[in-house]
C-alpha atoms as a PDB file:
ATOM      1  CA  UNK A   1      73.784   4.472 140.650  1.00  0.00           C
ATOM      2  CA  UNK A   2      73.164   7.051 143.364  1.00  0.00           C
ATOM      3  CA  UNK A   3      76.634   8.542 142.882  1.00  0.00           C
ATOM      4  CA  UNK A   4      76.057   8.915 139.134  1.00  0.00           C
ATOM      5  CA  UNK A   5      72.654  10.462 139.783  1.00  0.00           C
ATOM      6  CA  UNK A   6      74.158  13.021 142.169  1.00  0.00           C
ATOM      7  CA  UNK A   7      76.857  13.937 139.635  1.00  0.00           C
ATOM      8  CA  UNK A   8      74.308  14.197 136.809  1.00  0.00           C
ATOM      9  CA  UNK A   9      71.912  16.381 138.797  1.00  0.00           C
ATOM     10  CA  UNK A  10      74.753  18.554 140.092  1.00  0.00           C
ATOM     11  CA  UNK A  11      76.229  19.267 136.670  1.00  0.00           C
ATOM     12  CA  UNK A  12      75.572  22.665 135.118  1.00  0.00           C
ATOM     13  CA  UNK A  13      75.582  21.199 131.617  1.00  0.00           C
ATOM     14  CA  UNK A  14      75.705  17.727 130.123  1.00  0.00           C
ATOM     15  CA  UNK A  15      77.002  16.482 126.781  1.00  0.00           C
ATOM     16  CA  UNK A  16      75.912  13.116 125.439  1.00  0.00           C
ATOM     17  CA  UNK A  17      77.959  11.798 122.532  1.00  0.00           C
ATOM     18  CA  UNK A  18      76.422   8.951 120.566  1.00  0.00           C
ATOM     19  CA  UNK A  19      78.782   6.771 118.575  1.00  0.00           C
ATOM     20  CA  UNK A  20      77.876   3.794 116.448  1.00  0.00           C
ATOM     21  CA  UNK A  21      74.756   2.001 117.637  1.00  0.00           C
ATOM     22  CA  UNK A  22      73.795  -1.456 116.379  1.00  0.00           C
ATOM     23  CA  UNK A  23      70.672  -1.738 114.238  1.00  0.00           C
ATOM     24  CA  UNK A  24      67.614  -2.560 116.293  1.00  0.00           C
ATOM     25  CA  UNK A  25      68.878  -0.978 119.509  1.00  0.00           C
ATOM     26  CA  UNK A  26      66.136   1.432 120.486  1.00  0.00           C
ATOM     27  CA  UNK A  27      67.330   4.108 122.861  1.00  0.00           C
ATOM     28  CA  UNK A  28      65.600   6.957 121.035  1.00  0.00           C
ATOM     29  CA  UNK A  29      62.849   7.336 123.621  1.00  0.00           C
ATOM     30  CA  UNK A  30      65.344   7.644 126.477  1.00  0.00           C
ATOM     31  CA  UNK A  31      67.512  10.110 124.543  1.00  0.00           C
ATOM     32  CA  UNK A  32      64.466  12.178 123.607  1.00  0.00           C
ATOM     33  CA  UNK A  33      63.469  12.331 127.275  1.00  0.00           C
ATOM     34  CA  UNK A  34      66.988  13.380 128.306  1.00  0.00           C
ATOM     35  CA  UNK A  35      67.065  16.050 125.592  1.00  0.00           C
ATOM     36  CA  UNK A  36      64.033  17.765 127.135  1.00  0.00           C
ATOM     37  CA  UNK A  37      66.378  18.988 129.874  1.00  0.00           C
ATOM     38  CA  UNK A  38      67.749  22.373 128.694  1.00  0.00           C
ATOM     39  CA  UNK A  39      71.132  21.563 130.237  1.00  0.00           C
ATOM     40  CA  UNK A  40      71.596  18.539 127.938  1.00  0.00           C
ATOM     41  CA  UNK A  41      73.139  18.607 124.459  1.00  0.00           C
ATOM     42  CA  UNK A  42      73.151  15.444 122.365  1.00  0.00           C
ATOM     43  CA  UNK A  43      75.574  15.041 119.478  1.00  0.00           C
ATOM     44  CA  UNK A  44      75.768  11.961 117.303  1.00  0.00           C
ATOM     45  CA  UNK A  45      78.005  10.347 114.744  1.00  0.00           C
ATOM     46  CA  UNK A  46      76.609   9.783 111.263  1.00  0.00           C
ATOM     47  CA  UNK A  47      76.989   6.045 111.895  1.00  0.00           C
ATOM     48  CA  UNK A  48      74.900   6.147 115.065  1.00  0.00           C
ATOM     49  CA  UNK A  49      71.701   4.793 113.448  1.00  0.00           C
ATOM     50  CA  UNK A  50      69.867   7.336 115.613  1.00  0.00           C
ATOM     51  CA  UNK A  51      67.780  10.052 113.978  1.00  0.00           C
ATOM     52  CA  UNK A  52      66.120  12.954 115.741  1.00  0.00           C
ATOM     53  CA  UNK A  53      65.563  16.538 114.574  1.00  0.00           C
ATOM     54  CA  UNK A  54      66.988  18.157 117.714  1.00  0.00           C
ATOM     55  CA  UNK A  55      70.118  16.013 118.040  1.00  0.00           C
ATOM     56  CA  UNK A  56      73.259  17.518 116.525  1.00  0.00           C
ATOM     57  CA  UNK A  57      74.720  15.345 113.786  1.00  0.00           C
ATOM     58  CA  UNK A  58      77.685  17.509 112.766  1.00  0.00           C
ATOM     59  CA  UNK A  59      80.084  16.651 115.574  1.00  0.00           C
ATOM     60  CA  UNK A  60      83.216  17.819 113.770  1.00  0.00           C
ATOM     61  CA  UNK A  61      81.775  21.289 113.116  1.00  0.00           C
ATOM     62  CA  UNK A  62      80.541  21.619 116.693  1.00  0.00           C
ATOM     63  CA  UNK A  63      83.842  20.580 118.242  1.00  0.00           C
ATOM     64  CA  UNK A  64      85.790  22.734 115.796  1.00  0.00           C
ATOM     65  CA  UNK A  65      83.730  25.725 116.957  1.00  0.00           C
ATOM     66  CA  UNK A  66      84.861  25.256 120.567  1.00  0.00           C
ATOM     67  CA  UNK A  67      88.101  27.181 120.859  1.00  0.00           C
ATOM     68  CA  UNK A  68      88.341  27.161 124.615  1.00  0.00           C
ATOM     69  CA  UNK A  69      89.329  30.836 124.853  1.00  0.00           C
ATOM     70  CA  UNK A  70      86.227  32.017 126.650  1.00  0.00           C
ATOM     71  CA  UNK A  71      84.789  28.661 127.625  1.00  0.00           C
ATOM     72  CA  UNK A  72      85.010  26.857 130.915  1.00  0.00           C
ATOM     73  CA  UNK A  73      87.106  23.714 130.997  1.00  0.00           C
ATOM     74  CA  UNK A  74      85.183  20.543 130.314  1.00  0.00           C
ATOM     75  CA  UNK A  75      85.439  18.145 133.239  1.00  0.00           C
ATOM     76  CA  UNK A  76      85.550  14.432 132.586  1.00  0.00           C
END
């Protein structure tokens, strides 16, 4: 866990992608807390069963808008 924490805190920006989440799984509070960090962007699939006004729910449009020409490479 310490290694993940060091990587997280050392990252300039963070992208959280939410896929399908089972009904009844409540991670909204944690995601809301993470989204308060200005270096965090949260995008979600329509099927995620997560709803929040500041989370981005148009993943295809967001990814389509990233052309890579002037952007830094995304590290995985």
